[in-house]
């Protein structure tokens, strides 16, 4: 596990395209998933994310293969539902936390989480928040184990349909 660099955009996009659909609820259409990936998870978008000084991205590798990543966004949330839900400031968002299925259970997600939380602390955050789909019980269990608690709800647009997410927060 290491901080991602500009040279990692393509690898990050491959992992993102493979893992994002797995976090979607069963009713999310293939078209909506594809549209979200094409808009938000391309190598060009990862170039933008990596160039943004408010973001930290971490990449997990197994051998020469990228197998997981996280993205932290420092700063106040722009979503009013999230802002009203959070209990502690300053905060940062754990925007993405994904590991390829063949690598689940190997401690990769925990290592990524540790690095991301350390980066948030280094940026001066007193807490980290995230949104997780209400139907994604597996991810919720992982976030619970990682010290996050449910503090609210928000909506998340995938394609042309809004999904309901829990807002979870971890206070340091």
Protein backbone atom coordinates (compact mmCIF):
# COMPACT_ATOMS: atom_id res chain seq x y z
CA UNK A 1 0.00 0.00 0.00
CA UNK A 2 1.33 3.42 -0.97
CA UNK A 3 0.24 6.93 -1.89
CA UNK A 4 -0.97 6.97 -5.48
CA UNK A 5 0.87 9.10 -8.02
CA UNK A 6 0.00 10.63 -11.38
CA UNK A 7 1.36 7.48 -13.05
CA UNK A 8 -1.39 5.43 -11.36
CA UNK A 9 -4.47 6.95 -13.03
CA UNK A 10 -5.07 4.05 -15.41
CA UNK A 11 -4.61 1.42 -12.70
CA UNK A 12 -6.95 3.29 -10.35
CA UNK A 13 -9.58 3.52 -13.09
CA UNK A 14 -9.38 -0.24 -13.73
CA UNK A 15 -9.93 -1.04 -10.05
CA UNK A 16 -12.70 1.56 -9.81
CA UNK A 17 -14.54 0.18 -12.85
CA UNK A 18 -14.34 -3.36 -11.45
CA UNK A 19 -15.37 -2.51 -7.89
CA UNK A 20 -17.93 0.32 -8.11
CA UNK A 21 -20.69 -1.95 -9.50
CA UNK A 22 -20.20 -4.34 -6.57
CA UNK A 23 -21.19 -1.60 -4.10
CA UNK A 24 -24.41 -0.74 -5.93
CA UNK A 25 -27.78 -2.09 -4.82
CA UNK A 26 -29.27 -4.86 -6.96
CA UNK A 27 -31.79 -2.56 -8.65
CA UNK A 28 -29.08 -0.30 -10.11
CA UNK A 29 -29.11 -0.82 -13.86
CA UNK A 30 -26.00 -1.75 -15.83
CA UNK A 31 -26.54 1.44 -17.83
CA UNK A 32 -26.51 3.59 -14.69
CA UNK A 33 -23.36 1.89 -13.41
CA UNK A 34 -21.65 2.36 -16.78
CA UNK A 35 -22.66 6.03 -16.94
CA UNK A 36 -21.29 6.66 -13.45
CA UNK A 37 -18.01 4.94 -14.31
CA UNK A 38 -17.72 6.87 -17.59
CA UNK A 39 -18.34 10.17 -15.82
CA UNK A 40 -16.46 9.79 -12.52
CA UNK A 41 -14.02 6.86 -12.69
CA UNK A 42 -11.98 7.29 -15.87
CA UNK A 43 -8.20 7.73 -16.07
CA UNK A 44 -8.79 11.42 -16.92
CA UNK A 45 -10.93 11.89 -13.78
CA UNK A 46 -8.27 10.17 -11.70
CA UNK A 47 -5.72 12.57 -13.22
CA UNK A 48 -7.92 15.39 -11.87
CA UNK A 49 -8.31 13.74 -8.47
CA UNK A 50 -4.58 13.16 -8.14
CA UNK A 51 -3.83 16.78 -9.10
CA UNK A 52 -6.27 18.16 -6.50
CA UNK A 53 -4.32 19.30 -3.41
CA UNK A 54 -7.36 18.59 -1.18
CA UNK A 55 -7.27 14.87 -2.04
CA UNK A 56 -5.12 11.95 -0.92
CA UNK A 57 -5.33 8.68 -2.83
CA UNK A 58 -3.79 5.41 -1.70
CA UNK A 59 -3.19 2.39 -3.91
CA UNK A 60 -2.88 -1.22 -2.75
CA UNK A 61 -0.97 -3.66 -4.93
CA UNK A 62 -0.40 -7.38 -5.00
CA UNK A 63 2.68 -8.03 -7.04
CA UNK A 64 2.35 -5.74 -10.04
CA UNK A 65 -1.47 -5.65 -9.89
CA UNK A 66 -3.48 -2.78 -8.44
CA UNK A 67 -6.04 -4.41 -6.12
CA UNK A 68 -7.58 -1.58 -4.10
CA UNK A 69 -7.66 2.12 -3.40
CA UNK A 70 -9.03 4.86 -1.19
CA UNK A 71 -9.63 8.55 -1.73
CA UNK A 72 -9.77 11.14 1.03
CA UNK A 73 -11.15 14.64 0.44
CA UNK A 74 -10.22 17.28 3.01
CA UNK A 75 -12.67 20.02 3.84
CA UNK A 76 -16.22 20.81 4.76
CA UNK A 77 -18.91 18.75 2.98
CA UNK A 78 -20.96 20.56 0.34
CA UNK A 79 -24.03 18.33 0.79
CA UNK A 80 -26.35 20.03 3.32
CA UNK A 81 -27.67 16.69 4.64
CA UNK A 82 -24.12 15.55 5.36
CA UNK A 83 -23.12 18.88 6.91
CA UNK A 84 -26.13 18.74 9.24
CA UNK A 85 -25.42 15.13 10.24
CA UNK A 86 -21.78 15.43 11.25
CA UNK A 87 -20.89 15.95 14.89
CA UNK A 88 -17.24 17.02 14.69
CA UNK A 89 -15.17 19.53 12.74
CA UNK A 90 -12.79 19.87 11.04
CA UNK A 91 -13.64 16.86 8.91
CA UNK A 92 -12.58 14.97 5.80
CA UNK A 93 -14.49 12.59 3.55
CA UNK A 94 -13.51 9.02 2.84
CA UNK A 95 -14.89 9.23 -0.69
CA UNK A 96 -13.80 5.83 -1.98
CA UNK A 97 -12.68 2.59 -0.36
CA UNK A 98 -12.58 -0.40 -2.68
CA UNK A 99 -10.71 -3.71 -2.92
CA UNK A 100 -11.03 -6.24 -5.75
CA UNK A 101 -13.13 -9.25 -4.63
CA UNK A 102 -10.34 -11.78 -5.04
CA UNK A 103 -8.37 -9.90 -2.38
CA UNK A 104 -11.04 -9.51 0.30
CA UNK A 105 -10.07 -10.86 3.71
CA UNK A 106 -6.35 -10.28 3.20
CA UNK A 107 -6.12 -7.13 5.32
CA UNK A 108 -5.83 -4.82 2.32
CA UNK A 109 -8.91 -2.75 3.15
CA UNK A 110 -7.71 -2.35 6.74
CA UNK A 111 -4.28 -1.19 5.59
CA UNK A 112 -5.87 1.29 3.19
CA UNK A 113 -8.18 2.53 5.94
CA UNK A 114 -5.27 3.02 8.36
CA UNK A 115 -3.29 5.03 5.80
CA UNK A 116 -6.33 7.13 4.91
CA UNK A 117 -7.19 7.91 8.54
CA UNK A 118 -3.56 8.84 9.20
CA UNK A 119 -3.66 11.20 6.20
CA UNK A 120 -6.83 12.81 7.57
CA UNK A 121 -5.18 13.36 10.95
CA UNK A 122 -2.09 14.79 9.24
CA UNK A 123 -4.37 17.28 7.48
CA UNK A 124 -5.78 18.34 10.85
CA UNK A 125 -9.14 16.58 10.63
CA UNK A 126 -10.83 15.72 13.93
CA UNK A 127 -13.16 13.26 12.17
CA UNK A 128 -13.72 11.43 8.89
CA UNK A 129 -17.11 10.81 7.30
CA UNK A 130 -18.34 8.61 4.46
CA UNK A 131 -21.52 7.68 2.63
CA UNK A 132 -22.44 4.02 2.18
CA UNK A 133 -25.49 2.63 0.42
CA UNK A 134 -28.16 1.57 2.89
CA UNK A 135 -28.31 -1.86 1.23
CA UNK A 136 -24.54 -2.51 1.35
CA UNK A 137 -24.42 -4.47 4.63
CA UNK A 138 -20.93 -5.86 3.99
CA UNK A 139 -19.39 -2.40 3.66
CA UNK A 140 -21.32 -1.18 6.69
CA UNK A 141 -19.88 -4.01 8.79
CA UNK A 142 -16.36 -3.07 7.68
CA UNK A 143 -16.93 0.60 8.52
CA UNK A 144 -18.41 -0.35 11.91
CA UNK A 145 -15.27 -2.43 12.61
CA UNK A 146 -13.17 0.56 11.53
CA UNK A 147 -14.76 2.78 14.18
CA UNK A 148 -17.43 4.58 12.15
CA UNK A 149 -20.95 5.15 13.48
CA UNK A 150 -24.11 6.04 11.61
CA UNK A 151 -25.00 9.72 12.06
CA UNK A 152 -27.42 10.49 9.21
CA UNK A 153 -28.56 9.96 5.64
CA UNK A 154 -27.87 11.46 2.23
CA UNK A 155 -28.79 10.86 -1.39
CA UNK A 156 -26.33 9.73 -4.07
CA UNK A 157 -27.01 9.99 -7.81
CA UNK A 158 -26.14 6.93 -9.94
CA UNK A 159 -27.20 7.42 -13.53
CA UNK A 160 -30.60 9.09 -13.35
CA UNK A 161 -31.69 7.58 -10.02
CA UNK A 162 -30.98 8.72 -6.50
CA UNK A 163 -29.84 6.09 -4.02
CA UNK A 164 -30.09 6.36 -0.26
CA UNK A 165 -26.86 6.32 1.70
CA UNK A 166 -26.11 6.24 5.38
CA UNK A 167 -23.70 8.91 6.55
CA UNK A 168 -21.13 7.42 8.90
CA UNK A 169 -18.53 9.29 10.94
CA UNK A 170 -15.40 8.39 12.86
CA UNK A 171 -14.21 10.87 15.43
CA UNK A 172 -10.53 10.78 16.44
